[in-house]
Amino acid sequence: MASRSWRSTSPWPPADEIWLGEAKKTSALGDNHRDTKRELCKLLDGCRTVAAHRLILATAAPEWNTVTTTVVRRELHGLRTADKYVPDIYLLTAVGSSVPALELLTPAQG
């Protein structure tokens, strides 16, 4: 019998999987494009250091701002194109509300 991925059998990751996260009250990871990229690079460095499988960016805001999602998507695309280590990145929004949402981020194309 073939083994199945945890994604197909359980909503919870295996106990040996590492997730790192960052939580913000606002919808921005940084004040501008440069700050956002710097903060993201710090988080990705932390993921590499501990070999994290996933990075979760959480905010109390209803959605992440466009600068943040654009920077993260571009960086994700660049790292994958260069065949470098990159964790799966999730965006969690509306933390603390009655309708939080979790989205697996996909890289920007081009």
C-alpha atoms as a PDB file:
ATOM      1  CA  MET A   1       0.000   0.000   0.000  1.00  0.00           C
ATOM      2  CA  ALA A   2       1.398   3.408  -0.988  1.00  0.00           C
ATOM      3  CA  SER A   3       1.867   5.999   1.726  1.00  0.00           C
ATOM      4  CA  ARG A   4      -0.282   9.090   1.491  1.00  0.00           C
ATOM      5  CA  SER A   5       0.617  12.692   2.100  1.00  0.00           C
ATOM      6  CA  TRP A   6      -0.569  14.233   5.362  1.00  0.00           C
ATOM      7  CA  ARG A   7      -2.488  16.737   3.230  1.00  0.00           C
ATOM      8  CA  SER A   8      -4.760  14.003   1.949  1.00  0.00           C
ATOM      9  CA  THR A   9      -5.420  12.360   5.312  1.00  0.00           C
ATOM     10  CA  SER A  10      -5.299  15.024   8.010  1.00  0.00           C
ATOM     11  CA  PRO A  11      -5.715  18.785   8.424  1.00  0.00           C
ATOM     12  CA  TRP A  12      -2.668  18.785  10.746  1.00  0.00           C
ATOM     13  CA  PRO A  13       0.987  18.494   9.726  1.00  0.00           C
ATOM     14  CA  PRO A  14       3.159  15.687  11.061  1.00  0.00           C
ATOM     15  CA  ALA A  15       4.852  16.300  14.404  1.00  0.00           C
ATOM     16  CA  ASP A  16       8.300  16.417  12.793  1.00  0.00           C
ATOM     17  CA  GLU A  17       7.451  19.306  10.470  1.00  0.00           C
ATOM     18  CA  ILE A  18       8.670  22.808  11.379  1.00  0.00           C
ATOM     19  CA  TRP A  19       6.573  25.913  10.745  1.00  0.00           C
ATOM     20  CA  LEU A  20       7.814  29.461  11.374  1.00  0.00           C
ATOM     21  CA  GLY A  21       5.501  32.431  11.549  1.00  0.00           C
ATOM     22  CA  GLU A  22       5.230  36.182  11.786  1.00  0.00           C
ATOM     23  CA  ALA A  23       2.153  37.983  13.084  1.00  0.00           C
ATOM     24  CA  LYS A  24       1.226  41.607  12.456  1.00  0.00           C
ATOM     25  CA  LYS A  25      -1.700  43.771  13.517  1.00  0.00           C
ATOM     26  CA  THR A  26      -1.453  45.718  10.261  1.00  0.00           C
ATOM     27  CA  SER A  27      -1.712  44.533   6.666  1.00  0.00           C
ATOM     28  CA  ALA A  28       1.964  45.202   5.877  1.00  0.00           C
ATOM     29  CA  LEU A  29       5.140  43.244   6.502  1.00  0.00           C
ATOM     30  CA  GLY A  30       7.128  46.493   6.093  1.00  0.00           C
ATOM     31  CA  ASP A  31       6.654  50.231   5.525  1.00  0.00           C
ATOM     32  CA  ASN A  32       7.590  50.074   1.836  1.00  0.00           C
ATOM     33  CA  HIS A  33       8.905  47.679  -0.832  1.00  0.00           C
ATOM     34  CA  ARG A  34      12.473  47.720   0.521  1.00  0.00           C
ATOM     35  CA  ASP A  35      11.428  47.164   4.157  1.00  0.00           C
ATOM     36  CA  THR A  36       9.034  44.409   3.153  1.00  0.00           C
ATOM     37  CA  LYS A  37      11.727  42.566   1.195  1.00  0.00           C
ATOM     38  CA  ARG A  38      14.207  42.974   4.063  1.00  0.00           C
ATOM     39  CA  GLU A  39      11.702  41.558   6.584  1.00  0.00           C
ATOM     40  CA  LEU A  40      10.811  38.682   4.264  1.00  0.00           C
ATOM     41  CA  CYS A  41      14.487  37.839   3.719  1.00  0.00           C
ATOM     42  CA  LYS A  42      15.012  37.694   7.499  1.00  0.00           C
ATOM     43  CA  LEU A  43      12.102  35.283   7.807  1.00  0.00           C
ATOM     44  CA  LEU A  44      13.352  33.136   4.925  1.00  0.00           C
ATOM     45  CA  ASP A  45      16.844  33.074   6.476  1.00  0.00           C
ATOM     46  CA  GLY A  46      15.270  31.824   9.705  1.00  0.00           C
ATOM     47  CA  CYS A  47      13.433  29.138   7.749  1.00  0.00           C
ATOM     48  CA  ARG A  48      16.678  28.025   6.096  1.00  0.00           C
ATOM     49  CA  THR A  49      18.508  28.000   9.427  1.00  0.00           C
ATOM     50  CA  VAL A  50      16.065  25.579  11.041  1.00  0.00           C
ATOM     51  CA  ALA A  51      15.019  23.827   7.795  1.00  0.00           C
ATOM     52  CA  ALA A  52      11.398  24.927   8.241  1.00  0.00           C
ATOM     53  CA  HIS A  53       8.897  23.366   5.877  1.00  0.00           C
ATOM     54  CA  ARG A  54       6.399  26.210   6.021  1.00  0.00           C
ATOM     55  CA  LEU A  55       6.288  29.964   6.699  1.00  0.00           C
ATOM     56  CA  ILE A  56       3.019  31.503   7.823  1.00  0.00           C
ATOM     57  CA  LEU A  57       2.431  35.254   7.671  1.00  0.00           C
ATOM     58  CA  ALA A  58      -0.505  36.223   9.868  1.00  0.00           C
ATOM     59  CA  THR A  59      -2.363  39.522  10.193  1.00  0.00           C
ATOM     60  CA  ALA A  60      -5.379  40.785  12.071  1.00  0.00           C
ATOM     61  CA  ALA A  61      -6.257  42.826   8.974  1.00  0.00           C
ATOM     62  CA  PRO A  62      -8.851  41.467   6.519  1.00  0.00           C
ATOM     63  CA  GLU A  63      -6.103  41.034   3.889  1.00  0.00           C
ATOM     64  CA  TRP A  64      -2.397  41.626   3.337  1.00  0.00           C
ATOM     65  CA  ASN A  65      -1.582  44.791   1.410  1.00  0.00           C
ATOM     66  CA  THR A  66      -0.574  44.650  -2.258  1.00  0.00           C
ATOM     67  CA  VAL A  67       3.083  45.553  -1.617  1.00  0.00           C
ATOM     68  CA  THR A  68       3.468  42.636   0.784  1.00  0.00           C
ATOM     69  CA  THR A  69       1.821  40.048  -1.455  1.00  0.00           C
ATOM     70  CA  THR A  70       3.702  41.300  -4.530  1.00  0.00           C
ATOM     71  CA  VAL A  71       7.095  41.189  -2.809  1.00  0.00           C
ATOM     72  CA  VAL A  72       6.451  37.737  -1.358  1.00  0.00           C
ATOM     73  CA  ARG A  73       5.211  36.320  -4.676  1.00  0.00           C
ATOM     74  CA  ARG A  74       8.202  37.737  -6.588  1.00  0.00           C
ATOM     75  CA  GLU A  75      10.696  36.451  -4.050  1.00  0.00           C
ATOM     76  CA  LEU A  76       9.034  33.041  -4.055  1.00  0.00           C
ATOM     77  CA  HIS A  77       9.172  32.949  -7.858  1.00  0.00           C
ATOM     78  CA  GLY A  78      12.828  34.039  -7.921  1.00  0.00           C
ATOM     79  CA  LEU A  79      13.938  31.460  -5.379  1.00  0.00           C
ATOM     80  CA  ARG A  80      12.074  28.633  -7.097  1.00  0.00           C
ATOM     81  CA  THR A  81      13.390  29.682 -10.518  1.00  0.00           C
ATOM     82  CA  ALA A  82      16.944  29.645  -9.118  1.00  0.00           C
ATOM     83  CA  ASP A  83      16.208  26.208  -7.618  1.00  0.00           C
ATOM     84  CA  LYS A  84      16.964  27.495  -4.116  1.00  0.00           C
ATOM     85  CA  TYR A  85      15.426  26.390  -0.851  1.00  0.00           C
ATOM     86  CA  VAL A  86      12.078  27.999  -0.137  1.00  0.00           C
ATOM     87  CA  PRO A  87       9.379  26.894   2.288  1.00  0.00           C
ATOM     88  CA  ASP A  88       5.713  26.841   1.392  1.00  0.00           C
ATOM     89  CA  ILE A  89       4.359  30.259   2.347  1.00  0.00           C
ATOM     90  CA  TYR A  90       0.874  30.708   3.760  1.00  0.00           C
ATOM     91  CA  LEU A  91      -1.043  33.945   4.319  1.00  0.00           C
ATOM     92  CA  LEU A  92      -3.397  33.975   7.295  1.00  0.00           C
ATOM     93  CA  THR A  93      -5.769  36.946   7.435  1.00  0.00           C
ATOM     94  CA  ALA A  94      -8.438  38.286   9.777  1.00  0.00           C
ATOM     95  CA  VAL A  95      -6.836  36.649  12.817  1.00  0.00           C
ATOM     96  CA  GLY A  96      -9.067  37.127  15.827  1.00  0.00           C
ATOM     97  CA  SER A  97     -12.202  37.592  13.747  1.00  0.00           C
ATOM     98  CA  SER A  98     -15.027  35.169  13.115  1.00  0.00           C
ATOM     99  CA  VAL A  99     -13.833  34.607   9.520  1.00  0.00           C
ATOM    100  CA  PRO A 100     -10.059  34.019   9.400  1.00  0.00           C
ATOM    101  CA  ALA A 101      -8.734  32.770   6.068  1.00  0.00           C
ATOM    102  CA  LEU A 102      -5.645  30.722   5.209  1.00  0.00           C
ATOM    103  CA  GLU A 103      -4.193  30.781   1.689  1.00  0.00           C
ATOM    104  CA  LEU A 104      -1.205  28.957   0.237  1.00  0.00           C
ATOM    105  CA  LEU A 105       0.698  31.611  -1.688  1.00  0.00           C
ATOM    106  CA  THR A 106       1.727  30.874  -5.252  1.00  0.00           C
ATOM    107  CA  PRO A 107       4.694  32.547  -6.941  1.00  0.00           C
ATOM    108  CA  ALA A 108       4.317  35.467  -9.331  1.00  0.00           C
ATOM    109  CA  GLN A 109       4.792  34.609 -12.963  1.00  0.00           C
ATOM    110  CA  GLY A 110       7.514  36.631 -14.637  1.00  0.00           C
END
